[in-house]
Amino acid sequence: YQGRHSAQIPNPDREVVTINNVAGANGFCSRNEYNITPLENSIRVRPISSELSILGNCDGSARVKQGNSSVMVGIWGPVEVKQSKEDPEKCVIETTVKAATGQGSPLDKMYEEALRQTCEQIVITSAHPRTCIQVIVQVESEDGAILAVMKNALCLALMDAGIPMRSMFAGVSCVEQENGELMWDPTADEEEESTAKYTFCLREQ
């Protein structure tokens, strides 16, 4: 990741959220490894809403809406796993991302890997060896910052399922504009016009 030490916030209509610890999409890092100091130590995001236990056929579920992006996550497990896949020291994490429309794309596979790695770092996998935790992510609508919305829904679904975790976590996305400024929680159009896109994961320490 590449970042700047400050960010100009061009849209004053967004809510303010303060961030403390910053991490890349595929892992966490401490403040002294990567540090962003946004304008006035805050970032602005679109309105966020969430629901828990929205699915009756799984162990935990959640829906998160962020602006016009909406994601639903279902958790099954820990459940038995085929002997060929089981790990005697920890549970196996399986993630599946389903697009809102059409068939899956290589980008969906990237999302699956990012979410799986987040789970492996957050979930206490040693608590349930020789089992599997299945994560199904359904994108209901997409209008930017979709990986961050997935991570937020994932955290709530894991919590709803009672999966032991090392900490809570949250996702946030930003884009770099042509003038070098950062815009937090971009829409799809803002992502399309940007020169670079970043997704970070925040966790408790």
N, C-alpha and C. Protein backbone atom coordinates (compact mmCIF):
# COMPACT_ATOMS: atom_id res chain seq x y z
N TYR A 1 0.82 -1.20 0.00
CA TYR A 1 0.00 0.00 0.00
C TYR A 1 0.86 1.26 0.00
N GLN A 2 0.34 2.28 -0.62
CA GLN A 2 0.98 3.58 -0.59
C GLN A 2 -0.02 4.56 0.00
N GLY A 3 0.43 5.46 0.82
CA GLY A 3 -0.49 6.40 1.44
C GLY A 3 0.15 7.75 1.67
N ARG A 4 -0.67 8.73 2.02
CA ARG A 4 -0.19 10.06 2.29
C ARG A 4 -0.44 10.38 3.76
N HIS A 5 0.26 11.37 4.29
CA HIS A 5 0.15 11.67 5.70
C HIS A 5 -1.08 12.51 6.02
N SER A 6 -1.73 13.04 5.02
CA SER A 6 -2.96 13.79 5.27
C SER A 6 -3.90 13.59 4.10
N ALA A 7 -5.17 13.85 4.35
CA ALA A 7 -6.17 13.66 3.30
C ALA A 7 -7.15 14.83 3.33
N GLN A 8 -7.37 15.42 2.18
CA GLN A 8 -8.38 16.46 2.08
C GLN A 8 -9.73 15.79 1.88
N ILE A 9 -10.74 16.21 2.64
CA ILE A 9 -12.06 15.60 2.56
C ILE A 9 -12.95 16.49 1.70
N PRO A 10 -13.25 16.08 0.46
CA PRO A 10 -13.96 16.96 -0.47
C PRO A 10 -15.47 16.97 -0.26
N ASN A 11 -16.03 16.00 0.45
CA ASN A 11 -17.48 15.91 0.60
C ASN A 11 -17.86 16.15 2.05
N PRO A 12 -18.38 17.31 2.41
CA PRO A 12 -18.68 17.63 3.80
C PRO A 12 -19.97 17.00 4.30
N ASP A 13 -20.72 16.30 3.46
CA ASP A 13 -22.01 15.78 3.85
C ASP A 13 -21.93 14.39 4.48
N ARG A 14 -20.74 13.88 4.66
CA ARG A 14 -20.61 12.53 5.17
C ARG A 14 -20.34 12.53 6.67
N GLU A 15 -20.76 11.45 7.33
CA GLU A 15 -20.58 11.35 8.76
C GLU A 15 -19.09 11.21 9.09
N VAL A 16 -18.74 11.52 10.34
CA VAL A 16 -17.34 11.50 10.75
C VAL A 16 -17.10 10.29 11.64
N VAL A 17 -16.06 9.52 11.29
CA VAL A 17 -15.65 8.37 12.08
C VAL A 17 -14.15 8.48 12.32
N THR A 18 -13.72 8.32 13.55
CA THR A 18 -12.29 8.39 13.87
C THR A 18 -11.67 7.01 13.78
N ILE A 19 -10.47 6.93 13.20
CA ILE A 19 -9.77 5.66 13.10
C ILE A 19 -8.51 5.71 13.95
N ASN A 20 -8.10 4.52 14.45
CA ASN A 20 -6.91 4.44 15.28
C ASN A 20 -5.85 3.54 14.66
N ASN A 21 -6.17 2.27 14.42
CA ASN A 21 -5.21 1.33 13.91
C ASN A 21 -5.55 0.99 12.47
N VAL A 22 -4.54 0.92 11.63
CA VAL A 22 -4.75 0.76 10.20
C VAL A 22 -4.14 -0.55 9.75
N ALA A 23 -4.82 -1.24 8.82
CA ALA A 23 -4.29 -2.49 8.32
C ALA A 23 -4.64 -2.66 6.87
N GLY A 24 -3.85 -3.47 6.16
CA GLY A 24 -4.13 -3.75 4.77
C GLY A 24 -5.27 -4.74 4.62
N ALA A 25 -5.75 -4.90 3.40
CA ALA A 25 -6.89 -5.77 3.16
C ALA A 25 -6.60 -7.21 3.52
N ASN A 26 -5.35 -7.65 3.41
CA ASN A 26 -5.02 -9.04 3.67
C ASN A 26 -4.30 -9.25 4.99
N GLY A 27 -4.25 -8.25 5.83
CA GLY A 27 -3.59 -8.43 7.10
C GLY A 27 -3.55 -7.15 7.89
N PHE A 28 -3.14 -7.31 9.14
CA PHE A 28 -3.15 -6.18 10.03
C PHE A 28 -1.73 -5.67 10.25
N CYS A 29 -1.59 -4.41 10.58
CA CYS A 29 -0.29 -3.85 10.87
C CYS A 29 -0.45 -2.80 11.96
N SER A 30 0.61 -2.56 12.68
CA SER A 30 0.55 -1.62 13.79
C SER A 30 0.76 -0.20 13.28
N ARG A 31 0.52 0.76 14.16
CA ARG A 31 0.61 2.16 13.77
C ARG A 31 2.01 2.52 13.30
N ASN A 32 3.04 1.95 13.90
CA ASN A 32 4.38 2.33 13.50
C ASN A 32 4.80 1.69 12.18
N GLU A 33 4.01 0.72 11.68
CA GLU A 33 4.31 0.14 10.38
C GLU A 33 3.63 0.90 9.25
N TYR A 34 2.43 1.39 9.51
CA TYR A 34 1.70 2.13 8.49
C TYR A 34 0.81 3.12 9.21
N ASN A 35 0.91 4.35 8.86
CA ASN A 35 0.16 5.36 9.59
C ASN A 35 -0.48 6.36 8.63
N ILE A 36 -1.77 6.57 8.80
CA ILE A 36 -2.48 7.60 8.05
C ILE A 36 -3.01 8.60 9.05
N THR A 37 -2.78 9.84 8.83
CA THR A 37 -3.31 10.89 9.68
C THR A 37 -4.23 11.76 8.83
N PRO A 38 -5.51 11.39 8.72
CA PRO A 38 -6.42 12.16 7.88
C PRO A 38 -6.67 13.55 8.45
N LEU A 39 -7.29 14.38 7.64
CA LEU A 39 -7.61 15.74 8.05
C LEU A 39 -8.44 15.70 9.32
N GLU A 40 -8.00 16.41 10.34
CA GLU A 40 -8.66 16.49 11.63
C GLU A 40 -8.82 15.11 12.28
N ASN A 41 -7.89 14.17 11.93
CA ASN A 41 -7.90 12.83 12.50
C ASN A 41 -9.23 12.12 12.30
N SER A 42 -9.90 12.36 11.21
CA SER A 42 -11.19 11.72 10.98
C SER A 42 -11.36 11.38 9.52
N ILE A 43 -12.30 10.48 9.26
CA ILE A 43 -12.68 10.18 7.89
C ILE A 43 -14.20 10.32 7.80
N ARG A 44 -14.69 10.54 6.61
CA ARG A 44 -16.11 10.70 6.42
C ARG A 44 -16.65 9.53 5.61
N VAL A 45 -17.73 8.91 6.09
CA VAL A 45 -18.32 7.77 5.41
C VAL A 45 -19.81 8.01 5.21
N ARG A 46 -20.39 7.25 4.31
CA ARG A 46 -21.82 7.33 4.07
C ARG A 46 -22.59 6.71 5.23
N PRO A 47 -23.87 6.97 5.35
CA PRO A 47 -24.66 6.38 6.43
C PRO A 47 -24.57 4.85 6.42
N ILE A 48 -24.43 4.25 7.60
CA ILE A 48 -24.28 2.81 7.74
C ILE A 48 -25.43 2.27 8.59
N SER A 49 -26.00 1.14 8.17
CA SER A 49 -27.00 0.44 8.98
C SER A 49 -26.68 -1.05 8.96
N SER A 50 -27.12 -1.76 9.99
CA SER A 50 -26.82 -3.18 10.08
C SER A 50 -27.98 -3.93 10.73
N GLU A 51 -28.07 -5.23 10.43
CA GLU A 51 -29.06 -6.13 11.01
C GLU A 51 -28.36 -7.43 11.36
N LEU A 52 -28.76 -8.05 12.46
CA LEU A 52 -28.21 -9.33 12.87
C LEU A 52 -29.29 -10.41 12.81
N SER A 53 -28.84 -11.66 12.69
CA SER A 53 -29.73 -12.83 12.73
C SER A 53 -30.86 -12.72 11.70
N ILE A 54 -30.49 -12.38 10.49
CA ILE A 54 -31.51 -12.19 9.45
C ILE A 54 -31.81 -13.48 8.70
N LEU A 55 -30.96 -14.51 8.84
CA LEU A 55 -31.17 -15.80 8.19
C LEU A 55 -31.45 -16.86 9.25
N GLY A 56 -32.43 -17.69 9.01
CA GLY A 56 -32.79 -18.69 10.01
C GLY A 56 -32.13 -20.04 9.81
N ASN A 57 -31.44 -20.25 8.70
CA ASN A 57 -30.88 -21.56 8.40
C ASN A 57 -29.38 -21.64 8.60
N CYS A 58 -28.81 -20.69 9.33
CA CYS A 58 -27.36 -20.72 9.56
C CYS A 58 -27.09 -20.37 11.02
N ASP A 59 -25.82 -20.46 11.41
CA ASP A 59 -25.45 -20.23 12.80
C ASP A 59 -25.30 -18.75 13.14
N GLY A 60 -25.07 -17.93 12.16
CA GLY A 60 -24.96 -16.49 12.39
C GLY A 60 -25.08 -15.76 11.08
N SER A 61 -25.64 -14.56 11.10
CA SER A 61 -25.80 -13.81 9.85
C SER A 61 -25.91 -12.33 10.16
N ALA A 62 -25.63 -11.54 9.14
CA ALA A 62 -25.71 -10.08 9.29
C ALA A 62 -25.84 -9.45 7.92
N ARG A 63 -26.47 -8.29 7.91
CA ARG A 63 -26.54 -7.47 6.70
C ARG A 63 -26.02 -6.08 7.05
N VAL A 64 -25.18 -5.54 6.19
CA VAL A 64 -24.66 -4.18 6.36
C VAL A 64 -24.95 -3.39 5.10
N LYS A 65 -25.54 -2.21 5.28
CA LYS A 65 -25.77 -1.29 4.18
C LYS A 65 -24.94 -0.05 4.42
N GLN A 66 -24.18 0.33 3.42
CA GLN A 66 -23.32 1.51 3.50
C GLN A 66 -23.55 2.32 2.24
N GLY A 67 -24.27 3.42 2.37
CA GLY A 67 -24.70 4.13 1.18
C GLY A 67 -25.63 3.23 0.38
N ASN A 68 -25.33 3.05 -0.89
CA ASN A 68 -26.12 2.18 -1.75
C ASN A 68 -25.48 0.81 -1.93
N SER A 69 -24.45 0.51 -1.15
CA SER A 69 -23.85 -0.83 -1.15
C SER A 69 -24.45 -1.65 -0.02
N SER A 70 -24.82 -2.89 -0.32
CA SER A 70 -25.44 -3.76 0.68
C SER A 70 -24.88 -5.17 0.55
N VAL A 71 -24.52 -5.77 1.69
CA VAL A 71 -23.93 -7.10 1.72
C VAL A 71 -24.58 -7.91 2.84
N MET A 72 -24.87 -9.16 2.55
CA MET A 72 -25.39 -10.09 3.55
C MET A 72 -24.41 -11.24 3.70
N VAL A 73 -24.10 -11.62 4.96
CA VAL A 73 -23.14 -12.69 5.25
C VAL A 73 -23.81 -13.74 6.12
N GLY A 74 -23.63 -15.01 5.74
CA GLY A 74 -24.09 -16.13 6.56
C GLY A 74 -22.91 -16.97 7.01
N ILE A 75 -22.97 -17.45 8.25
CA ILE A 75 -21.90 -18.27 8.84
C ILE A 75 -22.46 -19.63 9.20
N TRP A 76 -21.80 -20.69 8.76
CA TRP A 76 -22.13 -22.04 9.16
C TRP A 76 -20.92 -22.65 9.84
N GLY A 77 -21.11 -23.15 11.05
CA GLY A 77 -20.00 -23.81 11.72
C GLY A 77 -19.76 -23.33 13.13
N PRO A 78 -18.77 -24.00 13.75
CA PRO A 78 -17.91 -25.04 13.18
C PRO A 78 -18.71 -26.31 12.84
N VAL A 79 -18.45 -26.89 11.67
CA VAL A 79 -19.12 -28.11 11.22
C VAL A 79 -18.06 -29.13 10.85
N GLU A 80 -18.50 -30.37 10.69
CA GLU A 80 -17.58 -31.42 10.29
C GLU A 80 -17.05 -31.14 8.88
N VAL A 81 -15.84 -31.58 8.64
CA VAL A 81 -15.20 -31.37 7.36
C VAL A 81 -14.68 -32.69 6.83
N LYS A 82 -14.57 -32.82 5.52
CA LYS A 82 -14.04 -34.05 4.94
C LYS A 82 -12.62 -34.29 5.46
N GLN A 83 -12.30 -35.53 5.64
CA GLN A 83 -11.00 -35.88 6.20
C GLN A 83 -9.86 -35.33 5.35
N SER A 84 -10.07 -35.25 4.05
CA SER A 84 -9.01 -34.76 3.17
C SER A 84 -8.75 -33.27 3.37
N LYS A 85 -9.71 -32.54 3.97
CA LYS A 85 -9.56 -31.10 4.16
C LYS A 85 -9.26 -30.72 5.61
N GLU A 86 -9.47 -31.63 6.54
CA GLU A 86 -9.37 -31.27 7.95
C GLU A 86 -7.93 -30.98 8.37
N ASP A 87 -7.80 -30.12 9.35
CA ASP A 87 -6.51 -29.77 9.94
C ASP A 87 -6.55 -30.17 11.41
N PRO A 88 -5.63 -31.04 11.88
CA PRO A 88 -5.69 -31.51 13.26
C PRO A 88 -5.42 -30.43 14.30
N GLU A 89 -4.92 -29.27 13.87
CA GLU A 89 -4.57 -28.24 14.83
C GLU A 89 -5.52 -27.04 14.82
N LYS A 90 -6.35 -26.91 13.81
CA LYS A 90 -7.22 -25.74 13.73
C LYS A 90 -8.40 -26.02 12.81
N CYS A 91 -9.38 -25.12 12.84
CA CYS A 91 -10.50 -25.24 11.90
C CYS A 91 -10.12 -24.62 10.56
N VAL A 92 -10.77 -25.07 9.52
CA VAL A 92 -10.54 -24.58 8.17
C VAL A 92 -11.58 -23.51 7.86
N ILE A 93 -11.15 -22.43 7.24
CA ILE A 93 -12.07 -21.35 6.86
C ILE A 93 -12.33 -21.44 5.36
N GLU A 94 -13.60 -21.49 4.98
CA GLU A 94 -13.99 -21.48 3.57
C GLU A 94 -14.86 -20.26 3.31
N THR A 95 -14.53 -19.49 2.29
CA THR A 95 -15.29 -18.28 1.96
C THR A 95 -15.79 -18.35 0.53
N THR A 96 -17.02 -17.91 0.34
CA THR A 96 -17.62 -17.85 -0.98
C THR A 96 -18.29 -16.49 -1.15
N VAL A 97 -18.00 -15.81 -2.22
CA VAL A 97 -18.62 -14.52 -2.53
C VAL A 97 -19.52 -14.68 -3.74
N LYS A 98 -20.77 -14.27 -3.59
CA LYS A 98 -21.75 -14.33 -4.67
C LYS A 98 -22.08 -12.92 -5.12
N ALA A 99 -21.90 -12.66 -6.40
CA ALA A 99 -22.14 -11.33 -6.95
C ALA A 99 -23.64 -11.02 -6.96
N ALA A 100 -23.95 -9.74 -7.01
CA ALA A 100 -25.35 -9.32 -7.04
C ALA A 100 -26.02 -9.78 -8.33
N THR A 101 -25.28 -9.73 -9.42
CA THR A 101 -25.82 -10.16 -10.72
C THR A 101 -24.74 -10.92 -11.48
N GLY A 102 -25.17 -11.86 -12.30
CA GLY A 102 -24.22 -12.56 -13.15
C GLY A 102 -23.41 -13.59 -12.39
N GLN A 103 -22.44 -14.16 -13.08
CA GLN A 103 -21.58 -15.17 -12.51
C GLN A 103 -20.38 -14.52 -11.82
N GLY A 104 -19.67 -15.33 -11.03
CA GLY A 104 -18.51 -14.84 -10.32
C GLY A 104 -17.40 -14.42 -11.26
N SER A 105 -16.55 -13.52 -10.78
CA SER A 105 -15.44 -12.99 -11.57
C SER A 105 -14.14 -13.21 -10.82
N PRO A 106 -12.99 -13.00 -11.48
CA PRO A 106 -11.71 -13.07 -10.76
C PRO A 106 -11.65 -12.12 -9.58
N LEU A 107 -12.35 -10.99 -9.67
CA LEU A 107 -12.37 -10.05 -8.55
C LEU A 107 -13.06 -10.67 -7.34
N ASP A 108 -14.11 -11.45 -7.57
CA ASP A 108 -14.79 -12.13 -6.47
C ASP A 108 -13.84 -13.12 -5.80
N LYS A 109 -13.01 -13.79 -6.57
CA LYS A 109 -12.03 -14.72 -6.00
C LYS A 109 -11.03 -13.97 -5.12
N MET A 110 -10.65 -12.76 -5.54
CA MET A 110 -9.76 -11.94 -4.73
C MET A 110 -10.43 -11.56 -3.41
N TYR A 111 -11.72 -11.21 -3.48
CA TYR A 111 -12.46 -10.89 -2.27
C TYR A 111 -12.52 -12.10 -1.34
N GLU A 112 -12.75 -13.28 -1.90
CA GLU A 112 -12.81 -14.50 -1.08
C GLU A 112 -11.50 -14.72 -0.34
N GLU A 113 -10.40 -14.54 -1.03
CA GLU A 113 -9.09 -14.74 -0.39
C GLU A 113 -8.83 -13.70 0.68
N ALA A 114 -9.19 -12.45 0.41
CA ALA A 114 -8.99 -11.39 1.40
C ALA A 114 -9.82 -11.65 2.65
N LEU A 115 -11.06 -12.07 2.49
CA LEU A 115 -11.92 -12.36 3.63
C LEU A 115 -11.44 -13.59 4.39
N ARG A 116 -10.97 -14.59 3.67
CA ARG A 116 -10.45 -15.80 4.34
C ARG A 116 -9.23 -15.45 5.19
N GLN A 117 -8.34 -14.65 4.66
CA GLN A 117 -7.15 -14.28 5.43
C GLN A 117 -7.52 -13.43 6.64
N THR A 118 -8.51 -12.57 6.49
CA THR A 118 -8.98 -11.80 7.65
C THR A 118 -9.52 -12.73 8.72
N CYS A 119 -10.33 -13.71 8.32
CA CYS A 119 -10.88 -14.68 9.27
C CYS A 119 -9.78 -15.45 9.98
N GLU A 120 -8.78 -15.88 9.24
CA GLU A 120 -7.72 -16.70 9.84
C GLU A 120 -6.91 -15.90 10.87
N GLN A 121 -6.83 -14.58 10.69
CA GLN A 121 -6.10 -13.77 11.65
C GLN A 121 -6.95 -13.38 12.86
N ILE A 122 -8.27 -13.33 12.67
CA ILE A 122 -9.15 -12.88 13.74
C ILE A 122 -9.75 -14.04 14.53
N VAL A 123 -10.20 -15.07 13.83
CA VAL A 123 -10.85 -16.20 14.49
C VAL A 123 -9.81 -17.03 15.24
N ILE A 124 -10.16 -17.48 16.43
CA ILE A 124 -9.28 -18.36 17.20
C ILE A 124 -9.50 -19.77 16.66
N THR A 125 -8.84 -20.09 15.57
CA THR A 125 -9.07 -21.34 14.86
C THR A 125 -8.66 -22.58 15.66
N SER A 126 -7.75 -22.41 16.60
CA SER A 126 -7.30 -23.55 17.41
C SER A 126 -8.37 -24.04 18.36
N ALA A 127 -9.43 -23.27 18.54
CA ALA A 127 -10.51 -23.67 19.47
C ALA A 127 -11.35 -24.80 18.91
N HIS A 128 -11.32 -24.99 17.59
CA HIS A 128 -12.16 -26.01 16.96
C HIS A 128 -11.38 -26.77 15.89
N PRO A 129 -10.38 -27.57 16.29
CA PRO A 129 -9.61 -28.32 15.29
C PRO A 129 -10.47 -29.36 14.58
N ARG A 130 -10.06 -29.72 13.38
CA ARG A 130 -10.71 -30.75 12.56
C ARG A 130 -12.15 -30.38 12.18
N THR A 131 -12.43 -29.10 12.12
CA THR A 131 -13.75 -28.64 11.71
C THR A 131 -13.61 -27.59 10.61
N CYS A 132 -14.75 -27.05 10.18
CA CYS A 132 -14.75 -26.05 9.13
C CYS A 132 -15.76 -24.95 9.48
N ILE A 133 -15.40 -23.72 9.18
CA ILE A 133 -16.33 -22.59 9.26
C ILE A 133 -16.56 -22.09 7.85
N GLN A 134 -17.81 -22.14 7.43
CA GLN A 134 -18.16 -21.73 6.07
C GLN A 134 -18.75 -20.32 6.11
N VAL A 135 -18.23 -19.46 5.25
CA VAL A 135 -18.67 -18.07 5.16
C VAL A 135 -19.22 -17.83 3.76
N ILE A 136 -20.49 -17.46 3.68
CA ILE A 136 -21.12 -17.16 2.40
C ILE A 136 -21.44 -15.66 2.39
N VAL A 137 -20.92 -14.96 1.40
CA VAL A 137 -21.13 -13.52 1.27
C VAL A 137 -21.97 -13.25 0.04
N GLN A 138 -23.13 -12.66 0.25
CA GLN A 138 -24.01 -12.31 -0.86
C GLN A 138 -24.03 -10.80 -1.04
N VAL A 139 -23.54 -10.35 -2.19
CA VAL A 139 -23.61 -8.92 -2.52
C VAL A 139 -25.02 -8.63 -3.04
N GLU A 140 -25.73 -7.77 -2.34
CA GLU A 140 -27.10 -7.44 -2.75
C GLU A 140 -27.13 -6.24 -3.70
N SER A 141 -26.30 -5.27 -3.43
CA SER A 141 -26.17 -4.12 -4.33
C SER A 141 -24.78 -3.54 -4.12
N GLU A 142 -24.21 -2.99 -5.18
CA GLU A 142 -22.82 -2.51 -5.12
C GLU A 142 -22.73 -1.09 -5.64
N ASP A 143 -22.27 -0.21 -4.78
CA ASP A 143 -22.02 1.18 -5.18
C ASP A 143 -20.78 1.71 -4.47
N GLY A 144 -19.67 0.98 -4.62
CA GLY A 144 -18.40 1.42 -4.06
C GLY A 144 -18.09 0.85 -2.69
N ALA A 145 -16.78 0.79 -2.37
CA ALA A 145 -16.26 0.34 -1.07
C ALA A 145 -16.80 -1.04 -0.69
N ILE A 146 -16.99 -1.91 -1.67
CA ILE A 146 -17.70 -3.16 -1.41
C ILE A 146 -16.90 -4.11 -0.51
N LEU A 147 -15.57 -4.15 -0.64
CA LEU A 147 -14.78 -5.03 0.22
C LEU A 147 -14.87 -4.58 1.68
N ALA A 148 -14.87 -3.28 1.91
CA ALA A 148 -15.01 -2.77 3.28
C ALA A 148 -16.37 -3.15 3.85
N VAL A 149 -17.42 -3.05 3.04
CA VAL A 149 -18.76 -3.43 3.50
C VAL A 149 -18.80 -4.93 3.81
N MET A 150 -18.13 -5.73 2.98
CA MET A 150 -18.05 -7.18 3.23
C MET A 150 -17.41 -7.46 4.58
N LYS A 151 -16.30 -6.77 4.86
CA LYS A 151 -15.60 -7.00 6.12
C LYS A 151 -16.46 -6.60 7.32
N ASN A 152 -17.20 -5.51 7.20
CA ASN A 152 -18.06 -5.08 8.29
C ASN A 152 -19.17 -6.09 8.55
N ALA A 153 -19.78 -6.60 7.47
CA ALA A 153 -20.83 -7.60 7.62
C ALA A 153 -20.25 -8.91 8.15
N LEU A 154 -19.04 -9.25 7.72
CA LEU A 154 -18.38 -10.47 8.19
C LEU A 154 -18.15 -10.42 9.70
N CYS A 155 -17.67 -9.31 10.20
CA CYS A 155 -17.41 -9.19 11.64
C CYS A 155 -18.70 -9.39 12.43
N LEU A 156 -19.79 -8.76 12.01
CA LEU A 156 -21.04 -8.88 12.72
C LEU A 156 -21.61 -10.30 12.64
N ALA A 157 -21.44 -10.96 11.49
CA ALA A 157 -21.94 -12.33 11.34
C ALA A 157 -21.15 -13.30 12.21
N LEU A 158 -19.84 -13.13 12.29
CA LEU A 158 -19.02 -13.97 13.17
C LEU A 158 -19.45 -13.78 14.63
N MET A 159 -19.69 -12.56 15.00
CA MET A 159 -20.14 -12.26 16.36
C MET A 159 -21.51 -12.90 16.62
N ASP A 160 -22.42 -12.80 15.65
CA ASP A 160 -23.75 -13.37 15.79
C ASP A 160 -23.70 -14.89 15.93
N ALA A 161 -22.73 -15.51 15.27
CA ALA A 161 -22.58 -16.97 15.33
C ALA A 161 -21.87 -17.44 16.59
N GLY A 162 -21.35 -16.53 17.37
CA GLY A 162 -20.63 -16.91 18.58
C GLY A 162 -19.26 -17.51 18.32
N ILE A 163 -18.68 -17.18 17.18
CA ILE A 163 -17.34 -17.69 16.83
C ILE A 163 -16.31 -16.95 17.69
N PRO A 164 -15.42 -17.68 18.38
CA PRO A 164 -14.40 -17.00 19.21
C PRO A 164 -13.43 -16.20 18.35
N MET A 165 -13.28 -14.90 18.68
CA MET A 165 -12.41 -14.01 17.91
C MET A 165 -11.41 -13.33 18.84
N ARG A 166 -10.27 -12.96 18.27
CA ARG A 166 -9.26 -12.24 19.04
C ARG A 166 -9.66 -10.79 19.28
N SER A 167 -10.45 -10.23 18.37
CA SER A 167 -10.90 -8.85 18.52
C SER A 167 -11.98 -8.58 17.49
N MET A 168 -12.67 -7.47 17.67
CA MET A 168 -13.58 -6.98 16.64
C MET A 168 -12.76 -6.30 15.56
N PHE A 169 -13.36 -6.10 14.38
CA PHE A 169 -12.66 -5.42 13.30
C PHE A 169 -13.67 -4.70 12.42
N ALA A 170 -13.17 -3.80 11.59
CA ALA A 170 -14.04 -3.05 10.68
C ALA A 170 -13.25 -2.69 9.44
N GLY A 171 -13.94 -2.55 8.32
CA GLY A 171 -13.29 -2.21 7.07
C GLY A 171 -13.61 -0.78 6.64
N VAL A 172 -12.68 -0.17 5.93
CA VAL A 172 -12.88 1.17 5.37
C VAL A 172 -12.09 1.26 4.07
N SER A 173 -12.66 1.92 3.08
CA SER A 173 -12.01 2.07 1.78
C SER A 173 -11.78 3.54 1.46
N CYS A 174 -10.78 3.79 0.63
CA CYS A 174 -10.54 5.14 0.14
C CYS A 174 -9.95 5.04 -1.26
N VAL A 175 -10.03 6.14 -1.99
CA VAL A 175 -9.43 6.21 -3.32
C VAL A 175 -8.54 7.44 -3.39
N GLU A 176 -7.55 7.35 -4.25
CA GLU A 176 -6.67 8.50 -4.50
C GLU A 176 -7.13 9.16 -5.79
N GLN A 177 -7.40 10.46 -5.72
CA GLN A 177 -7.86 11.20 -6.88
C GLN A 177 -6.68 11.68 -7.72
N GLU A 178 -6.97 12.21 -8.88
CA GLU A 178 -5.91 12.65 -9.78
C GLU A 178 -5.07 13.76 -9.18
N ASN A 179 -5.64 14.56 -8.30
CA ASN A 179 -4.89 15.64 -7.66
C ASN A 179 -4.10 15.17 -6.44
N GLY A 180 -4.12 13.86 -6.17
CA GLY A 180 -3.37 13.30 -5.05
C GLY A 180 -4.12 13.27 -3.74
N GLU A 181 -5.32 13.82 -3.68
CA GLU A 181 -6.09 13.82 -2.44
C GLU A 181 -6.80 12.48 -2.27
N LEU A 182 -7.08 12.12 -1.01
CA LEU A 182 -7.78 10.89 -0.70
C LEU A 182 -9.25 11.17 -0.43
N MET A 183 -10.10 10.31 -0.98
CA MET A 183 -11.54 10.37 -0.69
C MET A 183 -11.93 9.07 -0.01
N TRP A 184 -12.54 9.18 1.18
CA TRP A 184 -12.90 8.02 1.96
C TRP A 184 -14.29 7.52 1.60
N ASP A 185 -14.48 6.21 1.69
CA ASP A 185 -15.77 5.57 1.43
C ASP A 185 -16.34 6.00 0.08
N PRO A 186 -15.64 5.72 -1.01
CA PRO A 186 -16.07 6.22 -2.32
C PRO A 186 -17.27 5.46 -2.88
N THR A 187 -18.01 6.11 -3.75
CA THR A 187 -19.04 5.44 -4.53
C THR A 187 -18.38 4.75 -5.73
N ALA A 188 -19.18 4.00 -6.48
CA ALA A 188 -18.63 3.31 -7.65
C ALA A 188 -18.11 4.31 -8.69
N ASP A 189 -18.83 5.40 -8.88
CA ASP A 189 -18.38 6.42 -9.84
C ASP A 189 -17.07 7.05 -9.38
N GLU A 190 -16.95 7.31 -8.09
CA GLU A 190 -15.71 7.90 -7.56
C GLU A 190 -14.55 6.93 -7.67
N GLU A 191 -14.81 5.64 -7.51
CA GLU A 191 -13.77 4.64 -7.71
C GLU A 191 -13.32 4.61 -9.17
N GLU A 192 -14.28 4.72 -10.07
CA GLU A 192 -13.97 4.67 -11.50
C GLU A 192 -13.10 5.85 -11.92
N GLU A 193 -13.28 6.99 -11.29
CA GLU A 193 -12.53 8.19 -11.65
C GLU A 193 -11.20 8.31 -10.91
N SER A 194 -10.92 7.39 -9.99
CA SER A 194 -9.72 7.49 -9.16
C SER A 194 -8.51 6.90 -9.86
N THR A 195 -7.34 7.18 -9.30
CA THR A 195 -6.09 6.62 -9.82
C THR A 195 -5.63 5.40 -9.02
N ALA A 196 -6.15 5.23 -7.81
CA ALA A 196 -5.80 4.07 -6.98
C ALA A 196 -6.88 3.87 -5.93
N LYS A 197 -7.07 2.61 -5.53
CA LYS A 197 -8.09 2.28 -4.53
C LYS A 197 -7.45 1.45 -3.43
N TYR A 198 -7.81 1.72 -2.16
CA TYR A 198 -7.26 1.02 -1.01
C TYR A 198 -8.39 0.57 -0.08
N THR A 199 -8.23 -0.59 0.52
CA THR A 199 -9.14 -1.05 1.56
C THR A 199 -8.32 -1.43 2.78
N PHE A 200 -8.72 -0.90 3.93
CA PHE A 200 -8.01 -1.15 5.18
C PHE A 200 -8.94 -1.86 6.16
N CYS A 201 -8.33 -2.54 7.12
CA CYS A 201 -9.09 -3.22 8.15
C CYS A 201 -8.60 -2.72 9.50
N LEU A 202 -9.53 -2.26 10.33
CA LEU A 202 -9.20 -1.72 11.65
C LEU A 202 -9.56 -2.75 12.71
N ARG A 203 -8.72 -2.92 13.69
CA ARG A 203 -9.00 -3.88 14.75
C ARG A 203 -8.62 -3.32 16.11
N GLU A 204 -9.19 -3.89 17.14
CA GLU A 204 -8.86 -3.51 18.50
C GLU A 204 -7.48 -4.03 18.84
N GLN A 205 -6.79 -3.33 19.74
CA GLN A 205 -5.47 -3.78 20.17
C GLN A 205 -5.50 -4.11 21.67
